[in-house]
Amino acid sequence: MENPNNEEILPRDATREEIESLVHEPDKIPAAAWLLTFTGAIAQLARYGVAVTWQNYLQNPRGNELLPGALGLGQSKATIIQNAFLLFEYITPFFFAFLSDGYLGRHKTMLISLMLLAIGYVILLATSTPNALSHGAGVGGFAATVILVGLGQAGISAVMYPLIGDQIPETSPKVKRKKGGELVVTDRKLTIQYVFNGYYWMVNIAALSSIATTLVEKHVDFWAAYLLATGIFLLGIIPVLLWSRHLVKPLPDDNALSQTGQVLLIACRSGFRLSAADPEFQRLHKDRTVEWSADFVSQLRRGLKGCRVIICFVIFWLCYNQTTNNLISQAGQTEQIGISNDTIQSLNPIACIILGPLIQSVIFPFLRRRKVASGPIARMTCAFFFIAAGIAYAAGLQQLIYSRGPCFEYPLECPAAKDGEHGGSLRPNEVNIWVQTPVHFLLAAGEILGLVALNEYTYSEAPSNAKSMVQAIQQLAAAIGSALGLALGPVSKNPDLVILYASLAGTMAVSGAVFWVTFRKLDIGYEAENDAAENTGTSDVSIHDGKETC
């Protein structure tokens, strides 16, 4: 289209040739999407700020100046409890996904989850004071907190990514001119990728709360750390409560869930062939008219394809979960120069904050301009190898710790650790805590590439009325990883930690290779399906009463 002065009016709808030839870029992101990313980040701020202290809270007794503690349960029990919490937190999203997609909707589910989190954090605060601990309230209060916070985080995990994605409008690709004069095409899937990366970046900024809470934990007490995290959380959720009317709130559809169950049941009875549930197949071979459409079955097939990819993240989560328990304990075995053992874990979000913009704003545009494919499967594969490298480094570091005195293979456990020169505190092995830094940067690179790509892929592949359920399946992989972590609890002790880390690193590397060989062709199909959607002006299909609504 041109104006009277023969100047082209932009932006305008892109032609098929322009979609294929011009560089694709993200479109503008609505303020509602950023509001939700802020809310999700606030929820994670409280979670990280509180949960990072739990290993010390559970493991160590009170009275050690170098290692704060409260319940004194020991490393093995503390690690088992931490993994049990993660397992609970990762299984329960199915319940919230069912409520969200079928009955309450994602917005109401989010509000209920925020309420559960608020109650849980207040209980933890009340039962972590010295007076409450001296009266035996610590264990009971912690148990109640684990249940409420686990449920609240499960709800947030089930709905937050889909609800953020829902705020990105369904629009056809547009041609626009950048400030330098270059013509580009807006791409909804890149917009979703950008906002998901932005959300992950904000979550990692929020995770820096662990620096403040662990410092307060060490220099004041646990209750003060929990007061800080709880207060920020309660204030931070106010904006989404005040401006919730501006959010896009997809309606729940219990009919879609019922139809999904029927289709899957037919497929299972037919040798796991989803084509057997096709309406035409049912009409010809079963003399039956079904309520769903052929497109419903096609969309469900795409969603199940995404679920196959999700299950491969079990080992990813098993390795990543080491940051919440064994790596904190590893840091406690070193000389804590200027930082505590659980504060060093904050290097992980710091690394994400540094690497996130570099990957999103430098590396990805560089690859797009040179037409180098960087689909979600390729990014996930790279993530697996970064995680393997991080855990392999942890194995080497653990061997270094075991090679140094005073306790060698039994840090903090031998008589020499109680030499009286550390003011009554245990003497760690002679390794500087900052040597653990590369672990956190390698794991951060794996997080950014793997988890954002996974959320992008599953959001795109899932039917609109089942996105929360597919998101919950992601948490299932994390739950299985935590269950495996529980099984490894008895060997999470000296002198077996080198073997533990080395075994995890090797398993992760092999998993990455198998993942790439198995799923590399899905990147081609992913691009083709999304390009086809762009050419028709649609990218998501909502299943409702057997009809498509775009």
Protein backbone atom coordinates (compact mmCIF):
# COMPACT_ATOMS: atom_id res chain seq x y z
CA MET A 1 0.00 0.00 0.00
CA GLU A 2 1.26 3.48 -0.86
CA ASN A 3 0.15 6.97 0.13
CA PRO A 4 -0.32 9.89 -2.37
CA ASN A 5 3.40 10.71 -2.10
CA ASN A 6 4.28 7.19 -3.30
CA GLU A 7 5.69 6.30 0.13
CA GLU A 8 4.89 2.81 1.33
CA ILE A 9 2.68 2.72 4.43
CA LEU A 10 4.09 0.44 7.09
CA PRO A 11 3.44 -1.75 8.95
CA ARG A 12 1.32 -3.89 6.62
CA ASP A 13 0.52 -7.56 6.12
CA ALA A 14 3.49 -9.53 4.85
CA THR A 15 3.32 -11.50 1.62
CA ARG A 16 4.42 -15.12 1.47
CA GLU A 17 7.60 -14.12 -0.34
CA GLU A 18 8.42 -11.56 2.35
CA ILE A 19 7.81 -14.12 5.10
CA GLU A 20 10.30 -16.43 3.42
CA SER A 21 12.96 -13.86 2.52
CA LEU A 22 12.99 -11.13 5.17
CA VAL A 23 14.53 -11.37 8.63
CA HIS A 24 11.99 -12.23 11.33
CA GLU A 25 11.83 -10.27 14.58
CA PRO A 26 9.60 -10.16 17.67
CA ASP A 27 6.59 -7.85 17.68
CA LYS A 28 5.67 -5.38 20.44
CA ILE A 29 4.78 -7.05 23.73
CA PRO A 30 1.60 -5.93 25.55
CA ALA A 31 1.91 -4.41 29.02
CA ALA A 32 -0.34 -7.18 30.40
CA ALA A 33 2.29 -9.77 29.48
CA TRP A 34 4.98 -7.81 31.35
CA LEU A 35 2.66 -7.45 34.37
CA LEU A 36 2.35 -11.21 34.56
CA THR A 37 6.09 -11.73 34.14
CA PHE A 38 6.58 -9.35 37.08
CA THR A 39 4.04 -11.29 39.18
CA GLY A 40 5.67 -14.60 38.34
CA ALA A 41 9.07 -13.16 39.17
CA ILE A 42 7.81 -11.93 42.55
CA ALA A 43 6.53 -15.43 43.34
CA GLN A 44 9.93 -16.83 42.45
CA LEU A 45 11.67 -14.11 44.48
CA ALA A 46 9.96 -15.36 47.62
CA ARG A 47 10.53 -19.01 46.70
CA TYR A 48 14.25 -18.62 46.04
CA GLY A 49 14.76 -16.32 48.99
CA VAL A 50 13.16 -18.80 51.34
CA ALA A 51 14.01 -22.21 49.86
CA VAL A 52 17.74 -21.50 49.46
CA THR A 53 18.03 -21.34 53.25
CA TRP A 54 16.26 -24.66 53.82
CA GLN A 55 19.31 -26.90 53.43
CA ASN A 56 21.01 -25.10 56.33
CA TYR A 57 17.72 -24.76 58.23
CA LEU A 58 17.15 -28.51 58.05
CA GLN A 59 20.71 -29.86 58.10
CA ASN A 60 22.58 -27.90 60.77
CA PRO A 61 21.89 -27.43 64.48
CA ARG A 62 21.73 -23.99 66.04
CA GLY A 63 24.90 -22.47 67.47
CA ASN A 64 27.47 -22.87 64.65
CA GLU A 65 28.75 -19.41 63.70
CA LEU A 66 30.00 -20.51 60.27
CA LEU A 67 27.01 -22.68 59.32
CA PRO A 68 23.61 -21.36 60.45
CA GLY A 69 21.06 -24.00 61.36
CA ALA A 70 17.81 -24.73 63.13
CA LEU A 71 16.56 -28.34 63.08
CA GLY A 72 19.88 -30.28 62.94
CA LEU A 73 18.68 -33.23 60.83
CA GLY A 74 21.95 -33.84 58.94
CA GLN A 75 22.84 -33.63 55.24
CA SER A 76 21.28 -36.90 54.10
CA LYS A 77 17.88 -36.23 55.72
CA ALA A 78 17.92 -32.59 54.65
CA THR A 79 18.63 -33.61 51.05
CA ILE A 80 15.84 -36.20 51.13
CA ILE A 81 13.37 -33.64 52.51
CA GLN A 82 14.40 -31.09 49.87
CA ASN A 83 13.90 -33.61 47.09
CA ALA A 84 10.58 -34.70 48.60
CA PHE A 85 9.42 -31.07 48.54
CA LEU A 86 10.47 -30.72 44.91
CA LEU A 87 8.71 -33.98 44.06
CA PHE A 88 5.51 -32.73 45.70
CA GLU A 89 5.85 -29.35 44.02
CA TYR A 90 6.30 -30.98 40.61
CA ILE A 91 3.49 -33.56 40.83
CA THR A 92 0.67 -31.29 42.03
CA PRO A 93 0.59 -29.05 38.90
CA PHE A 94 -1.62 -31.74 37.31
CA PHE A 95 -4.36 -30.93 39.82
CA PHE A 96 -4.13 -27.20 39.11
CA ALA A 97 -3.88 -27.76 35.35
CA PHE A 98 -7.09 -29.80 35.50
CA LEU A 99 -8.84 -27.02 37.43
CA SER A 100 -7.40 -24.34 35.17
CA ASP A 101 -8.19 -25.84 31.78
CA GLY A 102 -11.52 -27.38 32.72
CA TYR A 103 -13.17 -25.29 35.43
CA LEU A 104 -11.55 -22.19 36.93
CA GLY A 105 -9.46 -20.72 34.12
CA ARG A 106 -5.81 -19.73 34.34
CA HIS A 107 -6.40 -16.34 35.96
CA LYS A 108 -8.44 -17.64 38.92
CA THR A 109 -6.00 -20.51 39.38
CA MET A 110 -3.15 -18.00 39.57
CA LEU A 111 -4.96 -15.99 42.26
CA ILE A 112 -5.63 -19.10 44.38
CA SER A 113 -1.97 -20.10 44.05
CA LEU A 114 -0.78 -16.68 45.22
CA MET A 115 -3.05 -16.94 48.26
CA LEU A 116 -1.64 -20.36 49.20
CA LEU A 117 1.90 -19.01 48.90
CA ALA A 118 1.11 -16.05 51.13
CA ILE A 119 -0.33 -18.28 53.89
CA GLY A 120 2.59 -20.71 53.69
CA TYR A 121 5.25 -18.01 54.01
CA VAL A 122 3.48 -16.41 56.98
CA ILE A 123 3.40 -19.77 58.80
CA LEU A 124 7.11 -20.33 58.15
CA LEU A 125 7.89 -16.86 59.47
CA ALA A 126 5.87 -17.44 62.64
CA THR A 127 7.42 -20.85 63.42
CA SER A 128 11.07 -19.96 62.72
CA THR A 129 11.50 -17.49 65.55
CA PRO A 130 13.80 -18.56 68.43
CA ASN A 131 10.85 -18.79 70.78
CA ALA A 132 8.85 -21.00 68.39
CA LEU A 133 11.86 -23.25 67.75
CA SER A 134 12.54 -23.64 71.46
CA HIS A 135 8.94 -24.80 71.94
CA GLY A 136 9.25 -27.41 69.17
CA ALA A 137 7.18 -25.61 66.52
CA GLY A 138 9.91 -25.73 63.88
CA VAL A 139 9.20 -29.17 62.41
CA GLY A 140 5.40 -28.75 62.33
CA GLY A 141 5.60 -25.26 60.90
CA PHE A 142 8.03 -26.40 58.23
CA ALA A 143 5.74 -29.31 57.28
CA ALA A 144 2.76 -26.97 56.88
CA THR A 145 4.87 -24.55 54.85
CA VAL A 146 6.07 -27.31 52.53
CA ILE A 147 2.47 -28.31 51.77
CA LEU A 148 1.11 -24.79 51.21
CA VAL A 149 4.11 -23.44 49.32
CA GLY A 150 4.33 -26.63 47.28
CA LEU A 151 0.69 -26.27 46.25
CA GLY A 152 1.05 -22.56 45.52
CA GLN A 153 4.17 -23.02 43.41
CA ALA A 154 2.50 -25.90 41.59
CA GLY A 155 -0.36 -23.64 40.57
CA ILE A 156 2.01 -20.91 39.40
CA SER A 157 4.04 -23.48 37.44
CA ALA A 158 0.92 -24.81 35.71
CA VAL A 159 -0.56 -21.51 34.55
CA MET A 160 2.04 -18.74 34.44
CA TYR A 161 3.77 -19.49 31.14
CA PRO A 162 0.47 -20.21 29.30
CA LEU A 163 -1.17 -17.11 30.81
CA ILE A 164 1.75 -14.93 29.70
CA GLY A 165 1.57 -16.42 26.21
CA ASP A 166 -2.19 -15.75 26.11
CA GLN A 167 -1.48 -12.02 26.32
CA ILE A 168 0.35 -12.08 22.94
CA PRO A 169 -2.36 -11.27 20.35
CA GLU A 170 -3.05 -13.51 17.38
CA THR A 171 -1.97 -11.38 14.41
CA SER A 172 -0.75 -12.13 10.92
CA PRO A 173 2.92 -11.39 10.15
CA LYS A 174 3.54 -7.70 9.46
CA VAL A 175 6.26 -5.95 7.47
CA LYS A 176 7.77 -3.02 9.33
CA ARG A 177 10.78 -0.79 8.85
CA LYS A 178 13.46 -0.56 11.52
CA LYS A 179 15.18 2.71 12.40
CA GLY A 180 18.08 1.87 10.11
CA GLY A 181 15.70 1.41 7.17
CA GLU A 182 15.78 -2.40 7.08
CA LEU A 183 12.50 -4.19 6.39
CA VAL A 184 11.68 -7.05 8.79
CA VAL A 185 8.72 -9.36 9.42
CA THR A 186 7.12 -9.63 12.84
CA ASP A 187 6.90 -13.21 14.05
CA ARG A 188 4.56 -14.26 16.87
CA LYS A 189 6.62 -17.29 17.84
CA LEU A 190 9.66 -15.02 18.24
CA THR A 191 7.53 -12.64 20.30
CA ILE A 192 6.62 -15.53 22.59
CA GLN A 193 10.26 -16.61 22.70
CA TYR A 194 11.30 -13.06 23.60
CA VAL A 195 8.75 -12.61 26.41
CA PHE A 196 9.51 -16.09 27.79
CA ASN A 197 13.21 -15.23 27.80
CA GLY A 198 12.30 -11.93 29.46
CA TYR A 199 10.30 -13.77 32.09
CA TYR A 200 13.17 -16.13 32.75
CA TRP A 201 15.55 -13.17 32.99
CA MET A 202 13.27 -11.44 35.50
CA VAL A 203 12.96 -14.64 37.51
CA ASN A 204 16.72 -14.78 37.81
CA ILE A 205 16.88 -11.16 38.93
CA ALA A 206 14.29 -12.12 41.56
CA ALA A 207 16.41 -15.10 42.53
CA LEU A 208 19.08 -12.69 43.75
CA SER A 209 16.86 -12.37 46.81
CA SER A 210 18.77 -15.42 47.99
CA ILE A 211 21.80 -13.19 48.52
CA ALA A 212 19.88 -10.97 50.90
CA THR A 213 18.09 -13.78 52.73
CA THR A 214 21.21 -15.90 53.24
CA LEU A 215 23.15 -12.89 54.54
CA VAL A 216 20.31 -12.04 56.91
CA GLU A 217 20.10 -15.72 57.89
CA LYS A 218 23.78 -15.75 58.79
CA HIS A 219 24.08 -12.38 60.52
CA VAL A 220 20.61 -12.12 62.13
CA ASP A 221 18.49 -15.29 62.02
CA PHE A 222 16.18 -17.35 59.81
CA TRP A 223 13.01 -15.53 60.91
CA ALA A 224 14.43 -12.21 59.71
CA ALA A 225 15.26 -13.72 56.31
CA TYR A 226 11.72 -15.06 56.00
CA LEU A 227 10.23 -11.71 57.06
CA LEU A 228 12.13 -10.00 54.25
CA ALA A 229 10.99 -12.46 51.56
CA THR A 230 7.38 -12.59 52.77
CA GLY A 231 7.04 -8.80 52.97
CA ILE A 232 8.32 -8.27 49.42
CA PHE A 233 6.01 -11.02 48.11
CA LEU A 234 2.89 -9.54 49.73
CA LEU A 235 3.66 -6.09 48.35
CA GLY A 236 4.66 -7.40 44.92
CA ILE A 237 1.39 -9.17 44.13
CA ILE A 238 -0.69 -6.00 44.64
CA PRO A 239 -0.33 -4.72 41.01
CA VAL A 240 -1.79 -7.87 39.42
CA LEU A 241 -4.72 -7.72 41.84
CA LEU A 242 -5.44 -4.07 40.98
CA TRP A 243 -5.05 -4.34 37.20
CA SER A 244 -6.36 -7.87 36.59
CA ARG A 245 -9.25 -6.57 34.46
CA HIS A 246 -6.74 -5.69 31.74
CA LEU A 247 -5.59 -9.31 31.35
CA VAL A 248 -6.68 -11.68 28.61
CA LYS A 249 -8.46 -14.51 30.45
CA PRO A 250 -9.23 -17.55 28.27
CA LEU A 251 -12.36 -19.35 29.41
CA PRO A 252 -12.04 -22.90 30.75
CA ASP A 253 -13.53 -25.72 28.69
CA ASP A 254 -14.31 -28.96 30.51
CA ASN A 255 -15.67 -30.37 27.24
CA ALA A 256 -12.19 -30.21 25.67
CA LEU A 257 -10.70 -32.16 28.58
CA SER A 258 -13.44 -34.78 28.30
CA GLN A 259 -12.86 -35.14 24.57
CA THR A 260 -9.09 -35.40 25.11
CA GLY A 261 -9.66 -38.27 27.52
CA GLN A 262 -11.92 -40.07 25.05
CA VAL A 263 -9.46 -39.66 22.17
CA LEU A 264 -6.56 -40.97 24.25
CA LEU A 265 -8.65 -43.92 25.45
CA ILE A 266 -9.52 -44.85 21.86
CA ALA A 267 -5.86 -44.56 20.86
CA CYS A 268 -4.77 -46.84 23.73
CA ARG A 269 -7.37 -49.45 22.82
CA SER A 270 -6.23 -49.33 19.16
CA GLY A 271 -2.57 -50.12 19.70
CA PHE A 272 -1.65 -46.53 20.60
CA ARG A 273 -2.72 -45.28 17.16
CA LEU A 274 -4.14 -41.78 17.46
CA SER A 275 -5.48 -42.01 13.89
CA ALA A 276 -8.07 -44.48 15.18
CA ALA A 277 -9.79 -41.57 16.95
CA ASP A 278 -10.17 -39.59 13.72
CA PRO A 279 -13.87 -38.81 13.09
CA GLU A 280 -13.76 -40.31 9.60
CA PHE A 281 -12.13 -43.51 10.88
CA GLN A 282 -14.76 -43.79 13.62
CA ARG A 283 -17.56 -43.27 11.10
CA LEU A 284 -16.29 -45.82 8.60
CA HIS A 285 -15.00 -48.55 10.94
CA LYS A 286 -17.06 -48.10 14.10
CA ASP A 287 -20.26 -46.62 12.64
CA ARG A 288 -19.96 -43.90 15.26
CA THR A 289 -20.24 -40.12 15.10
CA VAL A 290 -17.90 -38.36 17.53
CA GLU A 291 -18.06 -34.84 18.93
CA TRP A 292 -14.51 -33.77 18.02
CA SER A 293 -13.03 -32.76 14.70
CA ALA A 294 -10.09 -34.13 12.73
CA ASP A 295 -8.21 -30.95 13.59
CA PHE A 296 -8.72 -31.69 17.29
CA VAL A 297 -6.93 -35.02 16.80
CA SER A 298 -4.18 -33.30 14.80
CA GLN A 299 -3.62 -30.71 17.52
CA LEU A 300 -3.58 -33.41 20.17
CA ARG A 301 -0.97 -35.29 18.14
CA ARG A 302 1.23 -32.17 18.17
CA GLY A 303 0.76 -31.83 21.91
CA LEU A 304 1.75 -35.45 22.54
CA LYS A 305 4.81 -34.95 20.35
CA GLY A 306 5.81 -32.11 22.67
CA CYS A 307 5.25 -34.38 25.67
CA ARG A 308 7.78 -36.88 24.29
CA VAL A 309 10.37 -34.12 24.38
CA ILE A 310 9.39 -33.19 27.94
CA ILE A 311 10.06 -36.65 29.34
CA CYS A 312 13.67 -36.40 28.16
CA PHE A 313 14.21 -33.64 30.74
CA VAL A 314 14.15 -36.09 33.67
CA ILE A 315 17.96 -36.31 33.86
CA PHE A 316 18.22 -32.54 33.23
CA TRP A 317 16.17 -31.91 36.39
CA LEU A 318 18.02 -34.53 38.40
CA CYS A 319 21.27 -32.70 37.64
CA TYR A 320 19.89 -29.19 38.06
CA ASN A 321 18.34 -30.02 41.44
CA GLN A 322 21.84 -30.53 42.82
CA THR A 323 21.99 -26.72 43.12
CA THR A 324 19.36 -26.81 45.88
CA ASN A 325 21.07 -29.39 48.06
CA ASN A 326 24.37 -31.14 47.36
CA LEU A 327 26.12 -28.16 45.75
CA ILE A 328 25.19 -26.02 48.77
CA SER A 329 26.65 -28.69 51.03
CA GLN A 330 29.74 -28.88 48.81
CA ALA A 331 30.28 -25.15 49.28
CA GLY A 332 29.95 -25.69 53.04
CA GLN A 333 32.98 -28.00 52.89
CA THR A 334 35.20 -25.15 51.59
CA GLU A 335 36.70 -22.03 53.12
CA GLN A 336 33.93 -19.42 52.97
CA ILE A 337 35.89 -16.29 52.18
CA GLY A 338 33.53 -13.31 52.09
CA ILE A 339 30.42 -15.38 51.37
CA SER A 340 28.37 -18.15 52.99
CA ASN A 341 27.85 -21.60 51.51
CA ASP A 342 24.26 -20.96 50.46
CA THR A 343 24.92 -17.42 49.22
CA ILE A 344 27.37 -18.73 46.61
CA GLN A 345 24.35 -20.35 44.93
CA SER A 346 23.30 -16.84 43.92
CA LEU A 347 25.99 -16.95 41.26
CA ASN A 348 23.54 -19.04 39.24
CA PRO A 349 20.93 -16.27 38.75
CA ILE A 350 23.72 -13.70 38.34
CA ALA A 351 25.09 -15.80 35.50
CA CYS A 352 21.58 -16.02 33.99
CA ILE A 353 21.22 -12.24 34.18
CA ILE A 354 24.53 -11.79 32.37
CA LEU A 355 24.10 -14.55 29.79
CA GLY A 356 20.36 -14.07 29.12
CA PRO A 357 20.54 -10.72 27.26
CA LEU A 358 23.71 -11.86 25.50
CA ILE A 359 21.95 -14.94 24.12
CA GLN A 360 18.64 -13.19 23.34
CA SER A 361 19.93 -9.90 21.92
CA VAL A 362 23.26 -10.88 20.38
CA ILE A 363 23.58 -14.59 19.60
CA PHE A 364 20.01 -15.31 18.42
CA PRO A 365 19.79 -12.23 16.08
CA PHE A 366 23.27 -13.10 14.74
CA LEU A 367 22.07 -16.60 13.86
CA ARG A 368 18.76 -15.38 12.37
CA ARG A 369 20.45 -12.87 10.05
CA ARG A 370 22.67 -15.62 8.71
CA LYS A 371 19.74 -18.01 8.31
CA VAL A 372 21.33 -20.44 10.79
CA ALA A 373 18.65 -22.69 12.26
CA SER A 374 18.41 -22.50 16.05
CA GLY A 375 15.18 -24.35 16.67
CA PRO A 376 14.07 -25.45 20.14
CA ILE A 377 15.43 -29.00 19.76
CA ALA A 378 18.91 -27.71 18.87
CA ARG A 379 18.83 -25.33 21.84
CA MET A 380 17.69 -28.06 24.22
CA THR A 381 20.49 -30.33 23.03
CA CYS A 382 23.08 -27.62 23.68
CA ALA A 383 21.53 -27.15 27.11
CA PHE A 384 22.01 -30.82 27.98
CA PHE A 385 25.72 -30.61 27.23
CA PHE A 386 26.15 -27.42 29.27
CA ILE A 387 24.47 -29.13 32.24
CA ALA A 388 26.71 -32.18 31.80
CA ALA A 389 29.78 -29.93 31.75
CA GLY A 390 28.66 -28.15 34.93
CA ILE A 391 28.13 -31.35 36.89
CA ALA A 392 31.42 -32.77 35.56
CA TYR A 393 33.18 -29.68 36.93
CA ALA A 394 31.44 -30.28 40.27
CA ALA A 395 32.89 -33.80 40.30
CA GLY A 396 36.37 -32.42 39.72
CA LEU A 397 35.89 -29.82 42.44
CA GLN A 398 34.72 -32.48 44.89
CA GLN A 399 37.85 -34.49 44.17
CA LEU A 400 39.90 -31.35 44.85
CA ILE A 401 38.14 -30.92 48.20
CA TYR A 402 38.84 -34.54 49.09
CA SER A 403 42.51 -34.04 48.27
CA ARG A 404 42.93 -31.23 50.84
CA GLY A 405 43.10 -31.28 54.63
CA PRO A 406 42.32 -31.23 57.37
CA CYS A 407 39.64 -33.90 56.81
CA PHE A 408 40.28 -34.97 53.20
CA GLU A 409 37.48 -37.37 52.17
CA TYR A 410 35.39 -36.56 55.26
CA PRO A 411 35.09 -32.73 55.33
CA LEU A 412 33.80 -31.28 58.62
CA GLU A 413 33.52 -34.81 60.06
CA CYS A 414 37.01 -35.65 61.40
CA PRO A 415 38.46 -34.64 64.79
CA ALA A 416 40.81 -32.15 63.09
CA ALA A 417 37.78 -30.08 62.03
CA LYS A 418 37.24 -29.30 65.73
CA ASP A 419 40.68 -27.89 66.42
CA GLY A 420 39.38 -24.96 68.44
CA GLU A 421 40.92 -22.32 66.16
CA HIS A 422 37.65 -21.27 64.55
CA GLY A 423 35.76 -20.02 67.59
CA GLY A 424 33.89 -23.28 68.12
CA SER A 425 32.95 -23.61 64.44
CA LEU A 426 34.02 -26.54 62.30
CA ARG A 427 37.10 -26.11 60.13
CA PRO A 428 36.46 -26.82 56.40
CA ASN A 429 38.93 -28.30 53.93
CA GLU A 430 41.46 -25.89 52.46
CA VAL A 431 39.73 -25.02 49.19
CA ASN A 432 38.45 -21.53 48.35
CA ILE A 433 34.66 -21.40 47.97
CA TRP A 434 34.95 -19.25 44.82
CA VAL A 435 36.37 -22.22 42.91
CA GLN A 436 32.75 -23.37 42.57
CA THR A 437 31.92 -20.34 40.34
CA PRO A 438 32.19 -22.09 36.92
CA VAL A 439 29.59 -24.66 37.98
CA HIS A 440 26.95 -21.99 38.29
CA PHE A 441 27.79 -20.32 34.95
CA LEU A 442 27.68 -23.62 33.06
CA LEU A 443 24.37 -24.60 34.65
CA ALA A 444 22.98 -21.11 33.92
CA ALA A 445 23.75 -21.46 30.21
CA GLY A 446 21.97 -24.82 30.24
CA GLU A 447 18.93 -23.34 31.99
CA ILE A 448 18.53 -20.44 29.57
CA LEU A 449 18.85 -22.56 26.46
CA GLY A 450 16.92 -25.58 27.71
CA LEU A 451 14.02 -24.39 29.83
CA VAL A 452 13.03 -21.40 27.69
CA ALA A 453 13.16 -23.53 24.53
CA LEU A 454 11.08 -26.23 26.22
CA ASN A 455 8.40 -23.76 27.34
CA GLU A 456 8.35 -22.15 23.89
CA TYR A 457 8.03 -25.53 22.16
CA THR A 458 5.34 -26.97 24.41
CA TYR A 459 3.29 -23.74 24.37
CA SER A 460 3.34 -23.76 20.58
CA GLU A 461 2.52 -27.47 20.25
CA ALA A 462 -0.26 -27.70 22.84
CA PRO A 463 -3.93 -27.04 21.99
CA SER A 464 -5.08 -23.72 23.44
CA ASN A 465 -7.50 -25.33 25.88
CA ALA A 466 -4.91 -27.78 27.19
CA LYS A 467 -1.80 -25.61 27.57
CA SER A 468 -1.85 -25.76 31.37
CA MET A 469 -2.07 -29.55 31.24
CA VAL A 470 0.94 -29.79 28.92
CA GLN A 471 2.78 -27.35 31.18
CA ALA A 472 1.99 -29.65 34.09
CA ILE A 473 3.55 -32.55 32.20
CA GLN A 474 6.77 -30.53 32.22
CA GLN A 475 6.60 -30.62 35.99
CA LEU A 476 6.11 -34.39 35.81
CA ALA A 477 9.59 -34.72 34.31
CA ALA A 478 10.91 -32.55 37.14
CA ALA A 479 9.02 -34.73 39.63
CA ILE A 480 10.64 -37.89 38.28
CA GLY A 481 14.00 -36.14 38.51
CA SER A 482 13.30 -35.32 42.15
CA ALA A 483 12.20 -38.90 42.81
CA LEU A 484 15.53 -40.09 41.43
CA GLY A 485 17.18 -37.51 43.68
CA LEU A 486 15.39 -39.06 46.63
CA ALA A 487 16.75 -42.45 45.64
CA LEU A 488 20.24 -40.96 45.54
CA GLY A 489 19.83 -39.45 49.02
CA PRO A 490 21.63 -42.28 50.85
CA VAL A 491 24.74 -41.85 48.65
CA SER A 492 24.72 -38.06 48.95
CA LYS A 493 27.43 -38.25 51.60
CA ASN A 494 31.18 -38.44 51.98
CA PRO A 495 33.21 -40.06 50.49
CA ASP A 496 30.82 -40.99 47.60
CA LEU A 497 30.15 -37.54 46.15
CA VAL A 498 32.77 -37.66 43.37
CA ILE A 499 31.23 -40.84 42.00
CA LEU A 500 27.75 -39.30 42.32
CA TYR A 501 28.63 -36.16 40.34
CA ALA A 502 30.64 -38.05 37.71
CA SER A 503 27.79 -40.52 37.16
CA LEU A 504 25.27 -37.70 36.77
CA ALA A 505 27.50 -35.85 34.30
CA GLY A 506 28.05 -38.95 32.18
CA THR A 507 24.36 -39.79 32.14
CA MET A 508 23.47 -36.23 31.13
CA ALA A 509 25.98 -36.24 28.25
CA VAL A 510 24.68 -39.56 26.92
CA SER A 511 21.10 -38.29 27.26
CA GLY A 512 21.97 -35.21 25.20
CA ALA A 513 23.41 -37.31 22.40
CA VAL A 514 20.41 -39.66 22.36
CA PHE A 515 18.02 -36.69 22.48
CA TRP A 516 19.60 -35.08 19.41
CA VAL A 517 19.63 -38.30 17.39
CA THR A 518 16.00 -39.01 18.27
CA PHE A 519 14.38 -35.57 17.92
CA ARG A 520 16.54 -33.45 15.60
CA LYS A 521 14.01 -33.77 12.76
CA LEU A 522 11.32 -32.12 14.92
CA ASP A 523 13.00 -28.74 14.43
CA ILE A 524 12.26 -28.96 10.71
CA GLY A 525 8.64 -29.87 11.36
CA TYR A 526 8.34 -27.14 13.99
CA GLU A 527 9.47 -24.42 11.57
CA ALA A 528 7.28 -25.78 8.77
CA GLU A 529 4.15 -25.91 10.94
CA ASN A 530 4.68 -22.40 12.29
CA ASP A 531 5.44 -20.99 8.83
CA ALA A 532 2.24 -22.57 7.55
CA ALA A 533 0.35 -21.00 10.44
CA GLU A 534 1.87 -17.61 9.64
CA ASN A 535 0.91 -17.87 5.99
CA THR A 536 -2.72 -18.43 6.99
CA GLY A 537 -2.65 -15.81 9.73
CA THR A 538 -3.11 -18.26 12.60
CA SER A 539 -0.78 -19.92 15.02
CA ASP A 540 -2.92 -21.37 17.80
CA VAL A 541 -6.07 -23.43 17.51
CA SER A 542 -8.60 -23.45 20.28
CA ILE A 543 -10.64 -26.63 20.55
CA HIS A 544 -14.23 -25.95 21.49
CA ASP A 545 -17.19 -28.20 20.71
CA GLY A 546 -15.34 -29.71 17.76
CA LYS A 547 -14.81 -26.35 16.04
CA GLU A 548 -11.81 -24.11 15.49
CA THR A 549 -11.81 -20.60 16.90
CA CYS A 550 -8.82 -18.43 16.15
